[in-house]
Amino acid sequence: MFASDIPLKDDIRKFEHLGTRPFFIEQAIGKALEFHEMIGIVRKQQRLHYLKNYWMGKVKDIPKVRLSTSMDPKWGCAIGMVSVDGKKPADLDSYLFNNHKIHTTTIEWENIKGVRVTPNVYTTTKNLDVLVEGITNFARI
């Protein structure tokens, strides 16, 4: 976002200055909505929850691996958080990216520390097996 040319204006539109952006993003919104409606929100939620529980179920009993997200569908959907005792979340994040090309997000906020993993509907169990392998190998280092 860019600053307004009239910053003290009383109109909310002073915050709408976005600058030049790629038009193809706006063109894709319709197709993204069509895809979402085709899948349906219930099936999408079920798929995301399945994917989270798939990888979490495979790492939950690995020594030193800690999960900070419930596997119960009423408490979460796609996002899972994992950490390894005695290791920094940022080190796990870097390890997964550098060794397995898996992008995750490091969370270190007050008493919440770990790596957030967020699969998408197109993520395959084969993709998640690579994640499981990475977490397993990192926990053994």
C-alpha atoms as a PDB file:
ATOM      1  CA  MET A   1       0.000   0.000   0.000  1.00  0.00           C
ATOM      2  CA  PHE A   2       1.124   3.501  -0.740  1.00  0.00           C
ATOM      3  CA  ALA A   3       0.531   6.649   1.245  1.00  0.00           C
ATOM      4  CA  SER A   4      -2.358   8.847   0.211  1.00  0.00           C
ATOM      5  CA  ASP A   5      -1.628  12.148  -1.470  1.00  0.00           C
ATOM      6  CA  ILE A   6      -4.114  13.676   1.023  1.00  0.00           C
ATOM      7  CA  PRO A   7      -3.294  11.859   4.307  1.00  0.00           C
ATOM      8  CA  LEU A   8      -5.675  13.920   6.477  1.00  0.00           C
ATOM      9  CA  LYS A   9      -8.689  13.410   4.232  1.00  0.00           C
ATOM     10  CA  ASP A  10     -11.810  12.171   6.101  1.00  0.00           C
ATOM     11  CA  ASP A  11     -12.643   9.586   3.437  1.00  0.00           C
ATOM     12  CA  ILE A  12     -11.841   5.872   3.980  1.00  0.00           C
ATOM     13  CA  ARG A  13     -10.719   5.653   0.343  1.00  0.00           C
ATOM     14  CA  LYS A  14      -7.461   7.321   1.366  1.00  0.00           C
ATOM     15  CA  PHE A  15      -6.335   3.773   2.321  1.00  0.00           C
ATOM     16  CA  GLU A  16      -7.064   2.283  -1.112  1.00  0.00           C
ATOM     17  CA  HIS A  17      -3.860   3.286  -2.852  1.00  0.00           C
ATOM     18  CA  LEU A  18      -2.394  -0.029  -3.967  1.00  0.00           C
ATOM     19  CA  GLY A  19      -0.082   1.084  -6.738  1.00  0.00           C
ATOM     20  CA  THR A  20       0.514  -0.954  -9.869  1.00  0.00           C
ATOM     21  CA  ARG A  21      -0.221  -4.642  -9.461  1.00  0.00           C
ATOM     22  CA  PRO A  22      -0.481  -7.581 -11.823  1.00  0.00           C
ATOM     23  CA  PHE A  23      -3.894  -7.775 -13.463  1.00  0.00           C
ATOM     24  CA  PHE A  24      -3.761 -11.589 -13.821  1.00  0.00           C
ATOM     25  CA  ILE A  25      -4.333 -11.920 -10.066  1.00  0.00           C
ATOM     26  CA  GLU A  26      -7.674 -10.152 -10.350  1.00  0.00           C
ATOM     27  CA  GLN A  27      -8.517 -12.172 -13.467  1.00  0.00           C
ATOM     28  CA  ALA A  28      -7.916 -15.436 -11.558  1.00  0.00           C
ATOM     29  CA  ILE A  29     -10.335 -14.622  -8.727  1.00  0.00           C
ATOM     30  CA  GLY A  30     -13.327 -15.890 -10.711  1.00  0.00           C
ATOM     31  CA  LYS A  31     -11.624 -19.212 -11.497  1.00  0.00           C
ATOM     32  CA  ALA A  32     -10.550 -19.600  -7.876  1.00  0.00           C
ATOM     33  CA  LEU A  33     -14.146 -19.076  -6.729  1.00  0.00           C
ATOM     34  CA  GLU A  34     -15.417 -21.572  -9.316  1.00  0.00           C
ATOM     35  CA  PHE A  35     -12.918 -24.152  -8.059  1.00  0.00           C
ATOM     36  CA  HIS A  36     -13.898 -23.500  -4.431  1.00  0.00           C
ATOM     37  CA  GLU A  37     -17.603 -23.849  -5.242  1.00  0.00           C
ATOM     38  CA  MET A  38     -16.957 -27.026  -7.240  1.00  0.00           C
ATOM     39  CA  ILE A  39     -15.179 -28.674  -4.302  1.00  0.00           C
ATOM     40  CA  GLY A  40     -17.576 -27.300  -1.703  1.00  0.00           C
ATOM     41  CA  ILE A  41     -16.593 -26.007   1.695  1.00  0.00           C
ATOM     42  CA  VAL A  42     -17.454 -29.223   3.571  1.00  0.00           C
ATOM     43  CA  ARG A  43     -15.329 -31.429   1.295  1.00  0.00           C
ATOM     44  CA  LYS A  44     -12.524 -28.874   1.389  1.00  0.00           C
ATOM     45  CA  GLN A  45     -12.577 -28.838   5.191  1.00  0.00           C
ATOM     46  CA  GLN A  46     -12.598 -32.645   5.323  1.00  0.00           C
ATOM     47  CA  ARG A  47      -9.666 -32.861   2.904  1.00  0.00           C
ATOM     48  CA  LEU A  48      -7.584 -30.303   4.800  1.00  0.00           C
ATOM     49  CA  HIS A  49      -8.279 -31.982   8.123  1.00  0.00           C
ATOM     50  CA  TYR A  50      -7.357 -35.379   6.647  1.00  0.00           C
ATOM     51  CA  LEU A  51      -4.042 -34.019   5.323  1.00  0.00           C
ATOM     52  CA  LYS A  52      -3.137 -32.462   8.672  1.00  0.00           C
ATOM     53  CA  ASN A  53      -3.918 -35.640  10.555  1.00  0.00           C
ATOM     54  CA  TYR A  54      -2.050 -37.710   7.970  1.00  0.00           C
ATOM     55  CA  TRP A  55       1.339 -36.159   8.658  1.00  0.00           C
ATOM     56  CA  MET A  56       0.709 -35.496  12.346  1.00  0.00           C
ATOM     57  CA  GLY A  57      -0.279 -39.120  12.904  1.00  0.00           C
ATOM     58  CA  LYS A  58       3.014 -40.267  11.400  1.00  0.00           C
ATOM     59  CA  VAL A  59       5.248 -37.994  13.535  1.00  0.00           C
ATOM     60  CA  LYS A  60       3.372 -37.903  16.857  1.00  0.00           C
ATOM     61  CA  ASP A  61       5.259 -40.856  18.373  1.00  0.00           C
ATOM     62  CA  ILE A  62       8.745 -39.886  17.205  1.00  0.00           C
ATOM     63  CA  PRO A  63      10.977 -39.199  20.231  1.00  0.00           C
ATOM     64  CA  LYS A  64      11.437 -35.447  20.927  1.00  0.00           C
ATOM     65  CA  VAL A  65       8.727 -34.442  18.417  1.00  0.00           C
ATOM     66  CA  ARG A  66       5.938 -32.335  19.923  1.00  0.00           C
ATOM     67  CA  LEU A  67       2.656 -31.385  18.287  1.00  0.00           C
ATOM     68  CA  SER A  68       0.919 -28.212  19.424  1.00  0.00           C
ATOM     69  CA  THR A  69      -2.253 -28.669  17.406  1.00  0.00           C
ATOM     70  CA  SER A  70      -5.218 -30.896  18.121  1.00  0.00           C
ATOM     71  CA  MET A  71      -6.127 -33.673  15.701  1.00  0.00           C
ATOM     72  CA  ASP A  72      -9.794 -33.279  16.690  1.00  0.00           C
ATOM     73  CA  PRO A  73     -11.773 -31.727  13.785  1.00  0.00           C
ATOM     74  CA  LYS A  74     -13.662 -29.380  16.101  1.00  0.00           C
ATOM     75  CA  TRP A  75     -10.389 -27.652  17.103  1.00  0.00           C
ATOM     76  CA  GLY A  76      -8.587 -27.307  13.830  1.00  0.00           C
ATOM     77  CA  CYS A  77      -8.553 -27.875  10.110  1.00  0.00           C
ATOM     78  CA  ALA A  78      -5.377 -27.696   7.987  1.00  0.00           C
ATOM     79  CA  ILE A  79      -2.826 -25.943  10.177  1.00  0.00           C
ATOM     80  CA  GLY A  80      -0.551 -28.060  12.327  1.00  0.00           C
ATOM     81  CA  MET A  81       2.347 -26.989  14.520  1.00  0.00           C
ATOM     82  CA  VAL A  82       5.345 -29.166  15.271  1.00  0.00           C
ATOM     83  CA  SER A  83       8.503 -28.696  17.301  1.00  0.00           C
ATOM     84  CA  VAL A  84      11.468 -30.818  18.327  1.00  0.00           C
ATOM     85  CA  ASP A  85      12.658 -30.757  21.947  1.00  0.00           C
ATOM     86  CA  GLY A  86      16.020 -29.068  22.327  1.00  0.00           C
ATOM     87  CA  LYS A  87      15.981 -27.532  18.860  1.00  0.00           C
ATOM     88  CA  LYS A  88      15.017 -24.087  17.614  1.00  0.00           C
ATOM     89  CA  PRO A  89      11.921 -23.863  15.406  1.00  0.00           C
ATOM     90  CA  ALA A  90      13.876 -21.743  12.909  1.00  0.00           C
ATOM     91  CA  ASP A  91      16.407 -24.572  12.553  1.00  0.00           C
ATOM     92  CA  LEU A  92      13.634 -27.047  11.715  1.00  0.00           C
ATOM     93  CA  ASP A  93      12.155 -24.563   9.245  1.00  0.00           C
ATOM     94  CA  SER A  94      15.551 -24.115   7.545  1.00  0.00           C
ATOM     95  CA  TYR A  95      16.240 -27.844   7.541  1.00  0.00           C
ATOM     96  CA  LEU A  96      12.932 -28.654   5.870  1.00  0.00           C
ATOM     97  CA  PHE A  97      13.466 -25.997   3.208  1.00  0.00           C
ATOM     98  CA  ASN A  98      17.155 -26.616   2.527  1.00  0.00           C
ATOM     99  CA  ASN A  99      16.968 -30.408   2.498  1.00  0.00           C
ATOM    100  CA  HIS A 100      13.446 -31.147   1.277  1.00  0.00           C
ATOM    101  CA  LYS A 101      12.248 -27.894  -0.384  1.00  0.00           C
ATOM    102  CA  ILE A 102       9.330 -27.680   2.055  1.00  0.00           C
ATOM    103  CA  HIS A 103       8.209 -24.167   2.951  1.00  0.00           C
ATOM    104  CA  THR A 104       6.910 -23.794   6.501  1.00  0.00           C
ATOM    105  CA  THR A 105       6.558 -20.849   8.868  1.00  0.00           C
ATOM    106  CA  THR A 106       8.491 -20.408  12.096  1.00  0.00           C
ATOM    107  CA  ILE A 107       6.391 -19.284  15.050  1.00  0.00           C
ATOM    108  CA  GLU A 108       8.136 -17.923  18.132  1.00  0.00           C
ATOM    109  CA  TRP A 109       5.670 -15.848  20.073  1.00  0.00           C
ATOM    110  CA  GLU A 110       5.463 -15.772  23.871  1.00  0.00           C
ATOM    111  CA  ASN A 111       4.896 -19.419  24.879  1.00  0.00           C
ATOM    112  CA  ILE A 112       4.060 -20.619  21.347  1.00  0.00           C
ATOM    113  CA  LYS A 113       7.086 -22.024  19.575  1.00  0.00           C
ATOM    114  CA  GLY A 114       7.174 -24.346  16.599  1.00  0.00           C
ATOM    115  CA  VAL A 115       6.906 -24.675  12.872  1.00  0.00           C
ATOM    116  CA  ARG A 116       3.518 -24.188  11.238  1.00  0.00           C
ATOM    117  CA  VAL A 117       2.693 -26.612   8.454  1.00  0.00           C
ATOM    118  CA  THR A 118      -0.252 -25.772   6.231  1.00  0.00           C
ATOM    119  CA  PRO A 119      -1.079 -28.197   3.415  1.00  0.00           C
ATOM    120  CA  ASN A 120      -3.525 -27.199   0.711  1.00  0.00           C
ATOM    121  CA  VAL A 121      -6.232 -29.232  -1.026  1.00  0.00           C
ATOM    122  CA  TYR A 122      -3.810 -30.132  -3.839  1.00  0.00           C
ATOM    123  CA  THR A 123      -1.110 -31.410  -1.435  1.00  0.00           C
ATOM    124  CA  THR A 124      -0.639 -35.147  -1.881  1.00  0.00           C
ATOM    125  CA  THR A 125       0.133 -37.748   0.765  1.00  0.00           C
ATOM    126  CA  LYS A 126       3.367 -38.356  -1.167  1.00  0.00           C
ATOM    127  CA  ASN A 127       4.267 -34.697  -0.529  1.00  0.00           C
ATOM    128  CA  LEU A 128       3.473 -35.174   3.140  1.00  0.00           C
ATOM    129  CA  ASP A 129       5.629 -38.308   3.304  1.00  0.00           C
ATOM    130  CA  VAL A 130       8.578 -36.076   2.379  1.00  0.00           C
ATOM    131  CA  LEU A 131       7.614 -33.779   5.281  1.00  0.00           C
ATOM    132  CA  VAL A 132       7.441 -36.761   7.650  1.00  0.00           C
ATOM    133  CA  GLU A 133      10.860 -37.911   6.455  1.00  0.00           C
ATOM    134  CA  GLY A 134      12.278 -34.427   7.041  1.00  0.00           C
ATOM    135  CA  ILE A 135      10.857 -34.102  10.554  1.00  0.00           C
ATOM    136  CA  THR A 136      12.036 -37.637  11.391  1.00  0.00           C
ATOM    137  CA  ASN A 137      15.575 -36.957  10.171  1.00  0.00           C
ATOM    138  CA  PHE A 138      15.763 -33.595  11.937  1.00  0.00           C
ATOM    139  CA  ALA A 139      14.630 -35.099  15.244  1.00  0.00           C
ATOM    140  CA  ARG A 140      17.481 -37.644  15.033  1.00  0.00           C
ATOM    141  CA  ILE A 141      20.232 -35.039  14.508  1.00  0.00           C
END
